[in-house]
Every structure is written in structure tokens, then in C-alpha cells.
Amino acid sequence: VQLQASGGGLVQAGGSLTLSCTRSGRTLMNHAVGWFRQAPGKDRSFVAAISRSAVLTYYSDSVKGRFGISRDNAKNTVSLQMNSLNPEDTAVYYCAALATASTRRLPRTAEAYPYWGQGTLVTVSS
């Protein structure tokens, strides 16, 4: 499974960005997808995840109410809308996928996801 994360960039505090996770050539519709981030000098941490049918979504406490995850299975894309960004959101953001037959399986740990994209850098200036 080849994933591509895109949409990162430089934004001022209070601004917004939308990240996209796509899979080349084949569908993502049978996969739960998660977003994780890794700030300099820190471990990779969970941001948000969406189940294969979008029945479930989870968010970390630090982004709840500011970020929104969604998916368009027809376009093989999972998006992460990030609003009210602050410098603490600065990190490399990774999308990850897990093939699953369950509409309710939705891990929040990086170890549960076998497929990863290359990461996209988000920098929020103060």
C-alpha cells in the first residue's frame, strides 16, 4: 500500500491547512486511516483517525474541536482539515492505513498501522 501525504506548508498562527492522504492506483475504502505527527525531538503521536466507512472518528485531546477528518472513498482520499493552528501543531504529519473488514476497528496507536505515507511538514509561525 503506497500512501502519499500532501498539503503541508507554512502558516501563521490562527490559520488553516488541509492535508490529504491518497493511495496510488488502488482504493482506500477498505482501510481505516489515521493521522499522526512528530514534532522535532518528540515521539510520534496520534492526531486523528477515521474508520473505513467513516462510522467512527477519533481525535486527540490537543486537536479536538480544531481539526476535522473526513474521507472521500470515490477519490481514494482522506483529508485532515486543520483550523486555529498554533505553533505547537508544528510537526511532520503522517497518514497511515490499516486494512480491515470491520467498520468499527479504529486504532489510535501507530503500531497498529502497517502502511505509512512519507509525511508532510506543517510549520506554524507565531
N, C-alpha and C. Protein backbone atom coordinates (compact mmCIF):
# COMPACT_ATOMS: atom_id res chain seq x y z
N VAL A 1 0.86 -1.18 0.00
CA VAL A 1 0.00 0.00 0.00
C VAL A 1 0.89 1.22 0.00
N GLN A 2 0.78 2.03 -1.04
CA GLN A 2 1.57 3.25 -1.12
C GLN A 2 0.68 4.43 -0.83
N LEU A 3 1.02 5.15 0.23
CA LEU A 3 0.26 6.32 0.62
C LEU A 3 1.06 7.58 0.36
N GLN A 4 0.35 8.62 0.00
CA GLN A 4 1.00 9.92 -0.19
C GLN A 4 0.28 10.95 0.67
N ALA A 5 1.04 11.62 1.52
CA ALA A 5 0.51 12.71 2.32
C ALA A 5 0.94 14.02 1.68
N SER A 6 0.03 14.95 1.58
CA SER A 6 0.35 16.24 0.97
C SER A 6 -0.46 17.34 1.64
N GLY A 7 -0.09 18.57 1.32
CA GLY A 7 -0.84 19.72 1.81
C GLY A 7 -0.16 20.51 2.90
N GLY A 8 0.98 20.05 3.36
CA GLY A 8 1.68 20.79 4.40
C GLY A 8 2.24 22.10 3.88
N GLY A 9 2.71 22.92 4.80
CA GLY A 9 3.28 24.20 4.42
C GLY A 9 3.47 25.08 5.63
N LEU A 10 3.75 26.34 5.35
CA LEU A 10 3.96 27.34 6.39
C LEU A 10 2.69 28.18 6.53
N VAL A 11 2.23 28.32 7.75
CA VAL A 11 1.01 29.09 8.01
C VAL A 11 1.19 29.87 9.30
N GLN A 12 0.54 31.00 9.38
CA GLN A 12 0.59 31.79 10.62
C GLN A 12 -0.35 31.22 11.66
N ALA A 13 -0.04 31.48 12.90
CA ALA A 13 -0.91 31.05 13.99
C ALA A 13 -2.33 31.57 13.75
N GLY A 14 -3.29 30.70 13.99
CA GLY A 14 -4.68 31.04 13.74
C GLY A 14 -5.17 30.64 12.36
N GLY A 15 -4.24 30.26 11.51
CA GLY A 15 -4.59 29.90 10.14
C GLY A 15 -5.05 28.46 10.01
N SER A 16 -5.28 28.06 8.76
CA SER A 16 -5.80 26.73 8.45
C SER A 16 -5.01 26.07 7.34
N LEU A 17 -5.00 24.77 7.37
CA LEU A 17 -4.43 23.96 6.30
C LEU A 17 -5.27 22.70 6.17
N THR A 18 -5.27 22.14 4.97
CA THR A 18 -5.91 20.86 4.76
C THR A 18 -4.89 19.88 4.22
N LEU A 19 -4.70 18.79 4.94
CA LEU A 19 -3.81 17.73 4.49
C LEU A 19 -4.63 16.65 3.79
N SER A 20 -3.99 16.02 2.82
CA SER A 20 -4.65 14.94 2.10
C SER A 20 -3.78 13.70 2.13
N CYS A 21 -4.44 12.57 2.21
CA CYS A 21 -3.77 11.27 2.15
C CYS A 21 -4.42 10.49 1.02
N THR A 22 -3.63 10.10 0.07
CA THR A 22 -4.17 9.36 -1.07
C THR A 22 -3.38 8.07 -1.26
N ARG A 23 -4.00 7.16 -1.98
CA ARG A 23 -3.35 5.89 -2.31
C ARG A 23 -3.32 5.78 -3.82
N SER A 24 -2.15 5.52 -4.33
CA SER A 24 -1.99 5.46 -5.78
C SER A 24 -2.56 4.16 -6.33
N GLY A 25 -3.45 4.30 -7.29
CA GLY A 25 -3.83 3.16 -8.09
C GLY A 25 -4.90 2.25 -7.52
N ARG A 26 -5.03 2.23 -6.20
CA ARG A 26 -6.00 1.32 -5.62
C ARG A 26 -6.80 2.02 -4.54
N THR A 27 -7.87 1.37 -4.11
CA THR A 27 -8.80 2.01 -3.20
C THR A 27 -8.29 2.04 -1.77
N LEU A 28 -8.75 3.04 -1.04
CA LEU A 28 -8.53 3.12 0.40
C LEU A 28 -9.80 2.74 1.16
N MET A 29 -10.84 2.38 0.44
CA MET A 29 -12.14 2.25 1.08
C MET A 29 -12.20 1.10 2.08
N ASN A 30 -11.30 0.14 1.99
CA ASN A 30 -11.29 -0.97 2.93
C ASN A 30 -10.29 -0.78 4.06
N HIS A 31 -9.88 0.45 4.27
CA HIS A 31 -8.85 0.75 5.26
C HIS A 31 -9.33 1.78 6.26
N ALA A 32 -9.00 1.54 7.51
CA ALA A 32 -9.05 2.61 8.49
C ALA A 32 -7.80 3.47 8.27
N VAL A 33 -7.95 4.76 8.44
CA VAL A 33 -6.83 5.68 8.18
C VAL A 33 -6.63 6.59 9.38
N GLY A 34 -5.39 6.73 9.74
CA GLY A 34 -5.05 7.60 10.86
C GLY A 34 -4.03 8.65 10.45
N TRP A 35 -4.06 9.75 11.16
CA TRP A 35 -3.04 10.79 11.01
C TRP A 35 -2.25 10.85 12.32
N PHE A 36 -0.95 10.91 12.17
CA PHE A 36 -0.04 11.04 13.29
C PHE A 36 0.91 12.19 12.99
N ARG A 37 1.55 12.70 14.03
CA ARG A 37 2.52 13.76 13.80
C ARG A 37 3.73 13.58 14.70
N GLN A 38 4.84 14.12 14.24
CA GLN A 38 6.07 14.05 15.00
C GLN A 38 6.74 15.40 14.97
N ALA A 39 6.79 16.02 16.13
CA ALA A 39 7.46 17.31 16.27
C ALA A 39 8.95 17.06 16.53
N PRO A 40 9.78 18.04 16.25
CA PRO A 40 11.21 17.87 16.48
C PRO A 40 11.52 17.46 17.91
N GLY A 41 12.28 16.41 18.07
CA GLY A 41 12.68 15.96 19.39
C GLY A 41 11.62 15.23 20.17
N LYS A 42 10.49 14.96 19.53
CA LYS A 42 9.40 14.27 20.24
C LYS A 42 9.02 12.98 19.53
N ASP A 43 8.31 12.14 20.25
CA ASP A 43 7.83 10.90 19.66
C ASP A 43 6.65 11.17 18.75
N ARG A 44 6.42 10.22 17.86
CA ARG A 44 5.25 10.31 17.00
C ARG A 44 3.99 10.16 17.84
N SER A 45 2.98 11.00 17.58
CA SER A 45 1.77 10.97 18.40
C SER A 45 0.53 10.95 17.52
N PHE A 46 -0.52 10.40 18.06
CA PHE A 46 -1.79 10.28 17.36
C PHE A 46 -2.46 11.64 17.22
N VAL A 47 -3.06 11.88 16.05
CA VAL A 47 -3.80 13.12 15.82
C VAL A 47 -5.29 12.83 15.62
N ALA A 48 -5.59 12.00 14.63
CA ALA A 48 -6.99 11.73 14.30
C ALA A 48 -7.05 10.44 13.49
N ALA A 49 -8.23 9.83 13.46
CA ALA A 49 -8.41 8.62 12.68
C ALA A 49 -9.86 8.49 12.26
N ILE A 50 -10.07 7.79 11.15
CA ILE A 50 -11.41 7.59 10.63
C ILE A 50 -11.54 6.14 10.19
N SER A 51 -12.67 5.55 10.52
CA SER A 51 -12.88 4.15 10.17
C SER A 51 -13.18 4.00 8.69
N ARG A 52 -13.19 2.77 8.22
CA ARG A 52 -13.30 2.54 6.78
C ARG A 52 -14.59 3.06 6.21
N SER A 53 -15.65 3.09 6.97
CA SER A 53 -16.92 3.60 6.46
C SER A 53 -17.26 4.95 7.04
N ALA A 54 -16.31 5.55 7.74
CA ALA A 54 -16.50 6.85 8.40
C ALA A 54 -17.54 6.81 9.51
N VAL A 55 -17.85 5.61 9.98
CA VAL A 55 -18.78 5.49 11.11
C VAL A 55 -18.16 6.08 12.38
N LEU A 56 -16.85 5.88 12.51
CA LEU A 56 -16.15 6.35 13.70
C LEU A 56 -15.05 7.34 13.32
N THR A 57 -14.89 8.34 14.17
CA THR A 57 -13.73 9.22 14.08
C THR A 57 -13.22 9.44 15.50
N TYR A 58 -11.92 9.53 15.61
CA TYR A 58 -11.30 9.83 16.90
C TYR A 58 -10.32 10.99 16.72
N TYR A 59 -10.19 11.76 17.79
CA TYR A 59 -9.25 12.87 17.78
C TYR A 59 -8.46 12.88 19.09
N SER A 60 -7.24 13.34 19.01
CA SER A 60 -6.51 13.57 20.25
C SER A 60 -7.10 14.78 20.95
N ASP A 61 -6.91 14.84 22.25
CA ASP A 61 -7.45 15.97 23.01
C ASP A 61 -6.88 17.30 22.54
N SER A 62 -5.64 17.26 22.07
CA SER A 62 -4.98 18.52 21.70
C SER A 62 -5.54 19.13 20.41
N VAL A 63 -6.23 18.33 19.59
CA VAL A 63 -6.75 18.87 18.33
C VAL A 63 -8.28 18.85 18.27
N LYS A 64 -8.92 18.23 19.24
CA LYS A 64 -10.37 18.11 19.22
C LYS A 64 -11.00 19.49 19.17
N GLY A 65 -11.95 19.65 18.27
CA GLY A 65 -12.62 20.93 18.11
C GLY A 65 -11.94 21.86 17.12
N ARG A 66 -10.71 21.53 16.74
CA ARG A 66 -9.98 22.37 15.77
C ARG A 66 -9.73 21.64 14.47
N PHE A 67 -9.55 20.33 14.53
CA PHE A 67 -9.26 19.53 13.34
C PHE A 67 -10.48 18.68 12.99
N GLY A 68 -10.62 18.41 11.70
CA GLY A 68 -11.69 17.53 11.24
C GLY A 68 -11.15 16.54 10.22
N ILE A 69 -11.45 15.26 10.42
CA ILE A 69 -11.01 14.24 9.48
C ILE A 69 -12.21 13.76 8.68
N SER A 70 -12.00 13.54 7.40
CA SER A 70 -13.07 13.08 6.53
C SER A 70 -12.48 12.22 5.43
N ARG A 71 -13.34 11.52 4.74
CA ARG A 71 -12.85 10.69 3.64
C ARG A 71 -13.80 10.74 2.47
N ASP A 72 -13.22 10.61 1.29
CA ASP A 72 -13.97 10.52 0.04
C ASP A 72 -13.48 9.25 -0.64
N ASN A 73 -14.20 8.16 -0.43
CA ASN A 73 -13.75 6.89 -0.96
C ASN A 73 -13.73 6.86 -2.49
N ALA A 74 -14.58 7.64 -3.11
CA ALA A 74 -14.58 7.69 -4.57
C ALA A 74 -13.28 8.29 -5.10
N LYS A 75 -12.66 9.16 -4.30
CA LYS A 75 -11.40 9.81 -4.71
C LYS A 75 -10.20 9.20 -4.02
N ASN A 76 -10.42 8.12 -3.24
CA ASN A 76 -9.31 7.49 -2.52
C ASN A 76 -8.55 8.47 -1.66
N THR A 77 -9.28 9.35 -1.00
CA THR A 77 -8.63 10.42 -0.25
C THR A 77 -9.20 10.52 1.15
N VAL A 78 -8.31 10.70 2.11
CA VAL A 78 -8.69 11.05 3.47
C VAL A 78 -8.08 12.42 3.76
N SER A 79 -8.91 13.32 4.22
CA SER A 79 -8.46 14.70 4.45
C SER A 79 -8.43 15.02 5.93
N LEU A 80 -7.52 15.90 6.29
CA LEU A 80 -7.45 16.41 7.65
C LEU A 80 -7.51 17.93 7.55
N GLN A 81 -8.64 18.48 7.92
CA GLN A 81 -8.82 19.93 7.93
C GLN A 81 -8.33 20.45 9.27
N MET A 82 -7.36 21.35 9.25
CA MET A 82 -6.75 21.85 10.46
C MET A 82 -7.03 23.35 10.58
N ASN A 83 -7.74 23.72 11.62
CA ASN A 83 -8.10 25.11 11.85
C ASN A 83 -7.48 25.61 13.16
N SER A 84 -7.46 26.91 13.30
CA SER A 84 -6.93 27.53 14.53
C SER A 84 -5.57 26.96 14.89
N LEU A 85 -4.71 26.89 13.92
CA LEU A 85 -3.39 26.30 14.14
C LEU A 85 -2.56 27.16 15.08
N ASN A 86 -1.75 26.51 15.88
CA ASN A 86 -0.83 27.21 16.77
C ASN A 86 0.56 26.60 16.64
N PRO A 87 1.58 27.29 17.12
CA PRO A 87 2.95 26.79 16.93
C PRO A 87 3.17 25.37 17.45
N GLU A 88 2.38 24.96 18.45
CA GLU A 88 2.52 23.60 18.99
C GLU A 88 2.06 22.53 18.00
N ASP A 89 1.40 22.94 16.94
CA ASP A 89 0.98 21.99 15.89
C ASP A 89 2.09 21.76 14.87
N THR A 90 3.18 22.48 14.97
CA THR A 90 4.29 22.30 14.05
C THR A 90 4.86 20.89 14.17
N ALA A 91 4.89 20.18 13.05
CA ALA A 91 5.34 18.79 13.05
C ALA A 91 5.33 18.26 11.63
N VAL A 92 5.93 17.09 11.46
CA VAL A 92 5.72 16.32 10.24
C VAL A 92 4.48 15.46 10.47
N TYR A 93 3.55 15.55 9.56
CA TYR A 93 2.30 14.81 9.67
C TYR A 93 2.34 13.60 8.73
N TYR A 94 1.97 12.47 9.28
CA TYR A 94 1.97 11.22 8.54
C TYR A 94 0.57 10.64 8.49
N CYS A 95 0.20 10.09 7.34
CA CYS A 95 -1.02 9.30 7.31
C CYS A 95 -0.64 7.82 7.29
N ALA A 96 -1.52 7.01 7.83
CA ALA A 96 -1.27 5.59 7.95
C ALA A 96 -2.57 4.84 7.70
N ALA A 97 -2.44 3.63 7.18
CA ALA A 97 -3.63 2.86 6.82
C ALA A 97 -3.56 1.45 7.36
N LEU A 98 -4.73 0.92 7.64
CA LEU A 98 -4.89 -0.43 8.15
C LEU A 98 -6.04 -1.08 7.41
N ALA A 99 -5.75 -2.14 6.68
CA ALA A 99 -6.81 -2.88 6.01
C ALA A 99 -7.64 -3.61 7.05
N THR A 100 -8.95 -3.46 6.98
CA THR A 100 -9.81 -4.11 7.96
C THR A 100 -11.19 -4.38 7.37
N ALA A 101 -11.77 -5.49 7.78
CA ALA A 101 -13.12 -5.81 7.36
C ALA A 101 -14.16 -5.18 8.29
N SER A 102 -13.70 -4.65 9.41
CA SER A 102 -14.62 -4.10 10.40
C SER A 102 -14.85 -2.61 10.18
N THR A 103 -16.09 -2.21 10.23
CA THR A 103 -16.40 -0.78 10.11
C THR A 103 -16.13 -0.02 11.40
N ARG A 104 -15.82 -0.76 12.47
CA ARG A 104 -15.65 -0.10 13.77
C ARG A 104 -14.24 -0.28 14.34
N ARG A 105 -13.35 -0.92 13.59
CA ARG A 105 -11.98 -1.05 14.07
C ARG A 105 -11.24 0.23 13.77
N LEU A 106 -10.73 0.88 14.79
CA LEU A 106 -10.09 2.17 14.59
C LEU A 106 -9.04 2.40 15.67
N PRO A 107 -7.85 1.89 15.43
CA PRO A 107 -6.79 2.05 16.44
C PRO A 107 -6.30 3.50 16.54
N ARG A 108 -5.74 3.79 17.70
CA ARG A 108 -5.15 5.11 17.91
C ARG A 108 -3.67 5.03 18.24
N THR A 109 -3.09 3.85 17.99
CA THR A 109 -1.66 3.67 18.21
C THR A 109 -0.96 3.43 16.88
N ALA A 110 0.21 4.03 16.76
CA ALA A 110 0.96 3.93 15.50
C ALA A 110 1.29 2.48 15.15
N GLU A 111 1.54 1.68 16.16
CA GLU A 111 1.97 0.30 15.93
C GLU A 111 0.89 -0.53 15.23
N ALA A 112 -0.34 -0.10 15.31
CA ALA A 112 -1.43 -0.87 14.71
C ALA A 112 -1.54 -0.68 13.21
N TYR A 113 -0.87 0.34 12.67
CA TYR A 113 -0.99 0.67 11.26
C TYR A 113 0.24 0.19 10.49
N PRO A 114 0.08 -0.71 9.56
CA PRO A 114 1.24 -1.24 8.84
C PRO A 114 1.69 -0.40 7.64
N TYR A 115 0.83 0.47 7.16
CA TYR A 115 1.16 1.21 5.94
C TYR A 115 1.23 2.70 6.25
N TRP A 116 2.30 3.33 5.75
CA TRP A 116 2.56 4.74 6.08
C TRP A 116 2.93 5.53 4.84
N GLY A 117 2.53 6.79 4.85
CA GLY A 117 2.99 7.72 3.83
C GLY A 117 4.31 8.34 4.25
N GLN A 118 4.82 9.23 3.42
CA GLN A 118 6.16 9.77 3.64
C GLN A 118 6.18 10.97 4.59
N GLY A 119 5.05 11.53 4.90
CA GLY A 119 5.00 12.69 5.79
C GLY A 119 4.98 14.00 5.04
N THR A 120 4.31 14.97 5.63
CA THR A 120 4.28 16.32 5.07
C THR A 120 4.47 17.30 6.23
N LEU A 121 5.33 18.29 6.01
CA LEU A 121 5.71 19.20 7.09
C LEU A 121 4.73 20.35 7.21
N VAL A 122 4.28 20.55 8.43
CA VAL A 122 3.43 21.70 8.77
C VAL A 122 4.20 22.58 9.74
N THR A 123 4.36 23.83 9.38
CA THR A 123 5.06 24.78 10.23
C THR A 123 4.13 25.94 10.53
N VAL A 124 3.90 26.19 11.80
CA VAL A 124 3.01 27.27 12.22
C VAL A 124 3.86 28.33 12.91
N SER A 125 3.85 29.51 12.34
CA SER A 125 4.64 30.60 12.90
C SER A 125 3.79 31.44 13.85
N SER A 126 4.45 31.98 14.85
CA SER A 126 3.72 32.77 15.87
C SER A 126 3.63 34.24 15.47
